[in-house]
């Protein structure tokens, strides 16, 4: 059973995230020859104030 964990920075529309989850599940199913009902996809969202690349927070005005 494939279990896929994805972390995203908050801020995307709900519809886009749901579409992404469905597409990731389908690709995993197709690529791994796993029945779609056995694929698990979990998306965790983190606020921009809790995500950084190096010392630059995603919430910094220069990163938007």
PDB file of N, CA and C in Angstrom:
ATOM      1  N   UNK A   1       0.844  -1.172   0.000  1.00  0.00           N
ATOM      2  CA  UNK A   1       0.000   0.000   0.000  1.00  0.00           C
ATOM      3  C   UNK A   1       0.894   1.241   0.000  1.00  0.00           C
ATOM      4  N   UNK A   2       0.903   2.004  -1.085  1.00  0.00           N
ATOM      5  CA  UNK A   2       1.680   3.252  -1.099  1.00  0.00           C
ATOM      6  C   UNK A   2       1.068   4.292  -0.162  1.00  0.00           C
ATOM      7  N   UNK A   3       1.926   4.892   0.653  1.00  0.00           N
ATOM      8  CA  UNK A   3       1.517   5.990   1.533  1.00  0.00           C
ATOM      9  C   UNK A   3       2.391   7.187   1.179  1.00  0.00           C
ATOM     10  N   UNK A   4       1.754   8.252   0.743  1.00  0.00           N
ATOM     11  CA  UNK A   4       2.474   9.422   0.251  1.00  0.00           C
ATOM     12  C   UNK A   4       2.185  10.608   1.157  1.00  0.00           C
ATOM     13  N   UNK A   5       3.226  11.182   1.733  1.00  0.00           N
ATOM     14  CA  UNK A   5       3.104  12.359   2.592  1.00  0.00           C
ATOM     15  C   UNK A   5       3.646  13.564   1.826  1.00  0.00           C
ATOM     16  N   UNK A   6       2.853  14.626   1.779  1.00  0.00           N
ATOM     17  CA  UNK A   6       3.242  15.837   1.063  1.00  0.00           C
ATOM     18  C   UNK A   6       3.085  17.015   2.012  1.00  0.00           C
ATOM     19  N   UNK A   7       4.068  17.892   2.029  1.00  0.00           N
ATOM     20  CA  UNK A   7       3.987  19.110   2.835  1.00  0.00           C
ATOM     21  C   UNK A   7       3.986  20.300   1.894  1.00  0.00           C
ATOM     22  N   UNK A   8       3.000  21.180   2.073  1.00  0.00           N
ATOM     23  CA  UNK A   8       2.862  22.393   1.275  1.00  0.00           C
ATOM     24  C   UNK A   8       2.779  23.599   2.185  1.00  0.00           C
ATOM     25  N   UNK A   9       3.226  24.728   1.685  1.00  0.00           N
ATOM     26  CA  UNK A   9       3.009  25.987   2.394  1.00  0.00           C
ATOM     27  C   UNK A   9       1.554  26.384   2.167  1.00  0.00           C
ATOM     28  N   UNK A  10       0.886  26.809   3.225  1.00  0.00           N
ATOM     29  CA  UNK A  10      -0.518  27.220   3.128  1.00  0.00           C
ATOM     30  C   UNK A  10      -0.688  28.336   2.110  1.00  0.00           C
ATOM     31  N   UNK A  11      -1.891  28.372   1.520  1.00  0.00           N
ATOM     32  CA  UNK A  11      -2.208  29.486   0.655  1.00  0.00           C
ATOM     33  C   UNK A  11      -2.801  29.087  -0.691  1.00  0.00           C
ATOM     34  N   UNK A  12      -2.834  27.820  -0.997  1.00  0.00           N
ATOM     35  CA  UNK A  12      -3.414  27.382  -2.269  1.00  0.00           C
ATOM     36  C   UNK A  12      -4.909  27.141  -2.101  1.00  0.00           C
ATOM     37  N   UNK A  13      -5.671  27.332  -3.177  1.00  0.00           N
ATOM     38  CA  UNK A  13      -7.124  27.067  -3.099  1.00  0.00           C
ATOM     39  C   UNK A  13      -7.393  25.584  -2.812  1.00  0.00           C
ATOM     40  N   UNK A  14      -8.418  25.327  -2.022  1.00  0.00           N
ATOM     41  CA  UNK A  14      -8.797  23.956  -1.648  1.00  0.00           C
ATOM     42  C   UNK A  14      -9.010  23.074  -2.877  1.00  0.00           C
ATOM     43  N   UNK A  15      -9.639  23.619  -3.898  1.00  0.00           N
ATOM     44  CA  UNK A  15      -9.925  22.833  -5.107  1.00  0.00           C
ATOM     45  C   UNK A  15      -8.630  22.348  -5.762  1.00  0.00           C
ATOM     46  N   UNK A  16      -7.601  23.197  -5.774  1.00  0.00           N
ATOM     47  CA  UNK A  16      -6.318  22.831  -6.364  1.00  0.00           C
ATOM     48  C   UNK A  16      -5.651  21.710  -5.569  1.00  0.00           C
ATOM     49  N   UNK A  17      -5.724  21.780  -4.258  1.00  0.00           N
ATOM     50  CA  UNK A  17      -5.119  20.755  -3.415  1.00  0.00           C
ATOM     51  C   UNK A  17      -5.821  19.421  -3.623  1.00  0.00           C
ATOM     52  N   UNK A  18      -7.140  19.447  -3.700  1.00  0.00           N
ATOM     53  CA  UNK A  18      -7.888  18.210  -3.918  1.00  0.00           C
ATOM     54  C   UNK A  18      -7.567  17.610  -5.289  1.00  0.00           C
ATOM     55  N   UNK A  19      -7.463  18.443  -6.295  1.00  0.00           N
ATOM     56  CA  UNK A  19      -7.088  17.972  -7.634  1.00  0.00           C
ATOM     57  C   UNK A  19      -5.692  17.350  -7.597  1.00  0.00           C
ATOM     58  N   UNK A  20      -4.784  18.004  -6.902  1.00  0.00           N
ATOM     59  CA  UNK A  20      -3.413  17.509  -6.759  1.00  0.00           C
ATOM     60  C   UNK A  20      -3.397  16.137  -6.095  1.00  0.00           C
ATOM     61  N   UNK A  21      -4.151  15.983  -5.017  1.00  0.00           N
ATOM     62  CA  UNK A  21      -4.220  14.704  -4.303  1.00  0.00           C
ATOM     63  C   UNK A  21      -4.706  13.600  -5.238  1.00  0.00           C
ATOM     64  N   UNK A  22      -5.770  13.875  -5.984  1.00  0.00           N
ATOM     65  CA  UNK A  22      -6.302  12.865  -6.907  1.00  0.00           C
ATOM     66  C   UNK A  22      -5.281  12.478  -7.977  1.00  0.00           C
ATOM     67  N   UNK A  23      -4.595  13.477  -8.509  1.00  0.00           N
ATOM     68  CA  UNK A  23      -3.615  13.190  -9.567  1.00  0.00           C
ATOM     69  C   UNK A  23      -2.404  12.428  -9.028  1.00  0.00           C
ATOM     70  N   UNK A  24      -1.946  12.792  -7.841  1.00  0.00           N
ATOM     71  CA  UNK A  24      -0.829  12.075  -7.224  1.00  0.00           C
ATOM     72  C   UNK A  24      -1.224  10.619  -6.988  1.00  0.00           C
ATOM     73  N   UNK A  25      -2.415  10.398  -6.471  1.00  0.00           N
ATOM     74  CA  UNK A  25      -2.891   9.031  -6.226  1.00  0.00           C
ATOM     75  C   UNK A  25      -2.938   8.233  -7.523  1.00  0.00           C
ATOM     76  N   UNK A  26      -3.432   8.846  -8.581  1.00  0.00           N
ATOM     77  CA  UNK A  26      -3.536   8.143  -9.860  1.00  0.00           C
ATOM     78  C   UNK A  26      -2.158   7.801 -10.426  1.00  0.00           C
ATOM     79  N   UNK A  27      -1.231   8.758 -10.348  1.00  0.00           N
ATOM     80  CA  UNK A  27       0.130   8.497 -10.842  1.00  0.00           C
ATOM     81  C   UNK A  27       0.784   7.373 -10.032  1.00  0.00           C
ATOM     82  N   UNK A  28       0.621   7.400  -8.724  1.00  0.00           N
ATOM     83  CA  UNK A  28       1.189   6.331  -7.892  1.00  0.00           C
ATOM     84  C   UNK A  28       0.587   4.983  -8.268  1.00  0.00           C
ATOM     85  N   UNK A  29      -0.706   4.954  -8.443  1.00  0.00           N
ATOM     86  CA  UNK A  29      -1.385   3.716  -8.822  1.00  0.00           C
ATOM     87  C   UNK A  29      -0.868   3.192 -10.154  1.00  0.00           C
ATOM     88  N   UNK A  30      -0.809   4.072 -11.144  1.00  0.00           N
ATOM     89  CA  UNK A  30      -0.364   3.676 -12.485  1.00  0.00           C
ATOM     90  C   UNK A  30       1.103   3.237 -12.490  1.00  0.00           C
ATOM     91  N   UNK A  31       1.950   4.014 -11.849  1.00  0.00           N
ATOM     92  CA  UNK A  31       3.388   3.758 -11.886  1.00  0.00           C
ATOM     93  C   UNK A  31       3.776   2.511 -11.095  1.00  0.00           C
ATOM     94  N   UNK A  32       3.118   2.314  -9.962  1.00  0.00           N
ATOM     95  CA  UNK A  32       3.478   1.205  -9.077  1.00  0.00           C
ATOM     96  C   UNK A  32       2.615  -0.035  -9.268  1.00  0.00           C
ATOM     97  N   UNK A  33       1.689   0.034 -10.234  1.00  0.00           N
ATOM     98  CA  UNK A  33       0.728  -1.060 -10.440  1.00  0.00           C
ATOM     99  C   UNK A  33       0.001  -1.416  -9.144  1.00  0.00           C
ATOM    100  N   UNK A  34      -0.363  -0.389  -8.403  1.00  0.00           N
ATOM    101  CA  UNK A  34      -1.081  -0.571  -7.138  1.00  0.00           C
ATOM    102  C   UNK A  34      -2.544  -0.216  -7.350  1.00  0.00           C
ATOM    103  N   UNK A  35      -3.456  -1.023  -6.860  1.00  0.00           N
ATOM    104  CA  UNK A  35      -4.869  -0.660  -6.977  1.00  0.00           C
ATOM    105  C   UNK A  35      -5.117   0.710  -6.337  1.00  0.00           C
ATOM    106  N   UNK A  36      -5.872   1.561  -7.021  1.00  0.00           N
ATOM    107  CA  UNK A  36      -6.100   2.925  -6.547  1.00  0.00           C
ATOM    108  C   UNK A  36      -6.644   2.948  -5.119  1.00  0.00           C
ATOM    109  N   UNK A  37      -7.453   1.972  -4.759  1.00  0.00           N
ATOM    110  CA  UNK A  37      -8.036   1.968  -3.403  1.00  0.00           C
ATOM    111  C   UNK A  37      -7.017   1.671  -2.318  1.00  0.00           C
ATOM    112  N   UNK A  38      -5.798   1.288  -2.709  1.00  0.00           N
ATOM    113  CA  UNK A  38      -4.760   1.048  -1.709  1.00  0.00           C
ATOM    114  C   UNK A  38      -3.810   2.232  -1.537  1.00  0.00           C
ATOM    115  N   UNK A  39      -3.961   3.250  -2.372  1.00  0.00           N
ATOM    116  CA  UNK A  39      -3.067   4.414  -2.322  1.00  0.00           C
ATOM    117  C   UNK A  39      -3.568   5.396  -1.273  1.00  0.00           C
ATOM    118  N   UNK A  40      -2.665   5.871  -0.434  1.00  0.00           N
ATOM    119  CA  UNK A  40      -2.986   6.871   0.586  1.00  0.00           C
ATOM    120  C   UNK A  40      -2.162   8.125   0.300  1.00  0.00           C
ATOM    121  N   UNK A  41      -2.826   9.271   0.272  1.00  0.00           N
ATOM    122  CA  UNK A  41      -2.137  10.546   0.060  1.00  0.00           C
ATOM    123  C   UNK A  41      -2.533  11.477   1.198  1.00  0.00           C
ATOM    124  N   UNK A  42      -1.547  12.014   1.886  1.00  0.00           N
ATOM    125  CA  UNK A  42      -1.796  12.942   2.978  1.00  0.00           C
ATOM    126  C   UNK A  42      -1.061  14.242   2.709  1.00  0.00           C
ATOM    127  N   UNK A  43      -1.784  15.344   2.793  1.00  0.00           N
ATOM    128  CA  UNK A  43      -1.193  16.661   2.591  1.00  0.00           C
ATOM    129  C   UNK A  43      -1.206  17.400   3.924  1.00  0.00           C
ATOM    130  N   UNK A  44      -0.050  17.853   4.326  1.00  0.00           N
ATOM    131  CA  UNK A  44       0.087  18.700   5.508  1.00  0.00           C
ATOM    132  C   UNK A  44       0.423  20.102   5.028  1.00  0.00           C
ATOM    133  N   UNK A  45      -0.274  21.077   5.563  1.00  0.00           N
ATOM    134  CA  UNK A  45       0.008  22.465   5.215  1.00  0.00           C
ATOM    135  C   UNK A  45       0.654  23.167   6.399  1.00  0.00           C
ATOM    136  N   UNK A  46       1.688  23.930   6.107  1.00  0.00           N
ATOM    137  CA  UNK A  46       2.365  24.698   7.140  1.00  0.00           C
ATOM    138  C   UNK A  46       2.206  26.183   6.835  1.00  0.00           C
ATOM    139  N   UNK A  47       2.057  26.999   7.862  1.00  0.00           N
ATOM    140  CA  UNK A  47       1.947  28.435   7.612  1.00  0.00           C
ATOM    141  C   UNK A  47       3.272  28.990   7.097  1.00  0.00           C
ATOM    142  N   UNK A  48       3.226  30.042   6.291  1.00  0.00           N
ATOM    143  CA  UNK A  48       4.451  30.626   5.737  1.00  0.00           C
ATOM    144  C   UNK A  48       5.439  31.103   6.805  1.00  0.00           C
ATOM    145  N   UNK A  49       4.938  31.359   8.005  1.00  0.00           N
ATOM    146  CA  UNK A  49       5.818  31.778   9.100  1.00  0.00           C
ATOM    147  C   UNK A  49       6.588  30.607   9.704  1.00  0.00           C
ATOM    148  N   UNK A  50       6.274  29.395   9.277  1.00  0.00           N
ATOM    149  CA  UNK A  50       6.929  28.195   9.805  1.00  0.00           C
ATOM    150  C   UNK A  50       7.684  27.428   8.717  1.00  0.00           C
ATOM    151  N   UNK A  51       7.980  28.097   7.612  1.00  0.00           N
ATOM    152  CA  UNK A  51       8.696  27.463   6.504  1.00  0.00           C
ATOM    153  C   UNK A  51       9.785  28.413   6.033  1.00  0.00           C
ATOM    154  N   UNK A  52      10.988  27.900   5.914  1.00  0.00           N
ATOM    155  CA  UNK A  52      12.107  28.736   5.468  1.00  0.00           C
ATOM    156  C   UNK A  52      13.019  27.950   4.552  1.00  0.00           C
ATOM    157  N   UNK A  53      13.674  28.673   3.684  1.00  0.00           N
ATOM    158  CA  UNK A  53      14.780  28.134   2.898  1.00  0.00           C
ATOM    159  C   UNK A  53      15.998  28.899   3.397  1.00  0.00           C
ATOM    160  N   UNK A  54      16.880  28.172   4.029  1.00  0.00           N
ATOM    161  CA  UNK A  54      17.983  28.842   4.703  1.00  0.00           C
ATOM    162  C   UNK A  54      17.409  29.708   5.817  1.00  0.00           C
ATOM    163  N   UNK A  55      17.784  30.987   5.811  1.00  0.00           N
ATOM    164  CA  UNK A  55      17.280  31.895   6.845  1.00  0.00           C
ATOM    165  C   UNK A  55      16.154  32.785   6.331  1.00  0.00           C
ATOM    166  N   UNK A  56      15.586  32.476   5.179  1.00  0.00           N
ATOM    167  CA  UNK A  56      14.520  33.299   4.590  1.00  0.00           C
ATOM    168  C   UNK A  56      13.170  32.623   4.760  1.00  0.00           C
ATOM    169  N   UNK A  57      12.354  33.203   5.629  1.00  0.00           N
ATOM    170  CA  UNK A  57      11.006  32.690   5.825  1.00  0.00           C
ATOM    171  C   UNK A  57      10.161  32.950   4.585  1.00  0.00           C
ATOM    172  N   UNK A  58       9.280  32.020   4.283  1.00  0.00           N
ATOM    173  CA  UNK A  58       8.365  32.204   3.156  1.00  0.00           C
ATOM    174  C   UNK A  58       7.485  33.429   3.380  1.00  0.00           C
ATOM    175  N   UNK A  59       7.249  33.782   4.623  1.00  0.00           N
ATOM    176  CA  UNK A  59       6.405  34.930   4.953  1.00  0.00           C
ATOM    177  C   UNK A  59       7.122  36.267   4.772  1.00  0.00           C
ATOM    178  N   UNK A  60       8.452  36.255   4.587  1.00  0.00           N
ATOM    179  CA  UNK A  60       9.175  37.501   4.363  1.00  0.00           C
ATOM    180  C   UNK A  60       8.653  38.202   3.112  1.00  0.00           C
ATOM    181  N   UNK A  61       8.433  39.503   3.174  1.00  0.00           N
ATOM    182  CA  UNK A  61       7.894  40.223   2.013  1.00  0.00           C
ATOM    183  C   UNK A  61       8.703  40.023   0.727  1.00  0.00           C
ATOM    184  N   UNK A  62       9.999  39.852   0.835  1.00  0.00           N
ATOM    185  CA  UNK A  62      10.836  39.664  -0.360  1.00  0.00           C
ATOM    186  C   UNK A  62      10.620  38.307  -1.029  1.00  0.00           C
ATOM    187  N   UNK A  63       9.938  37.387  -0.357  1.00  0.00           N
ATOM    188  CA  UNK A  63       9.693  36.063  -0.905  1.00  0.00           C
ATOM    189  C   UNK A  63       8.299  35.907  -1.508  1.00  0.00           C
ATOM    190  N   UNK A  64       7.539  36.963  -1.542  1.00  0.00           N
ATOM    191  CA  UNK A  64       6.168  36.872  -2.065  1.00  0.00           C
ATOM    192  C   UNK A  64       6.070  37.441  -3.450  1.00  0.00           C
TER     193      UNK A  64
END
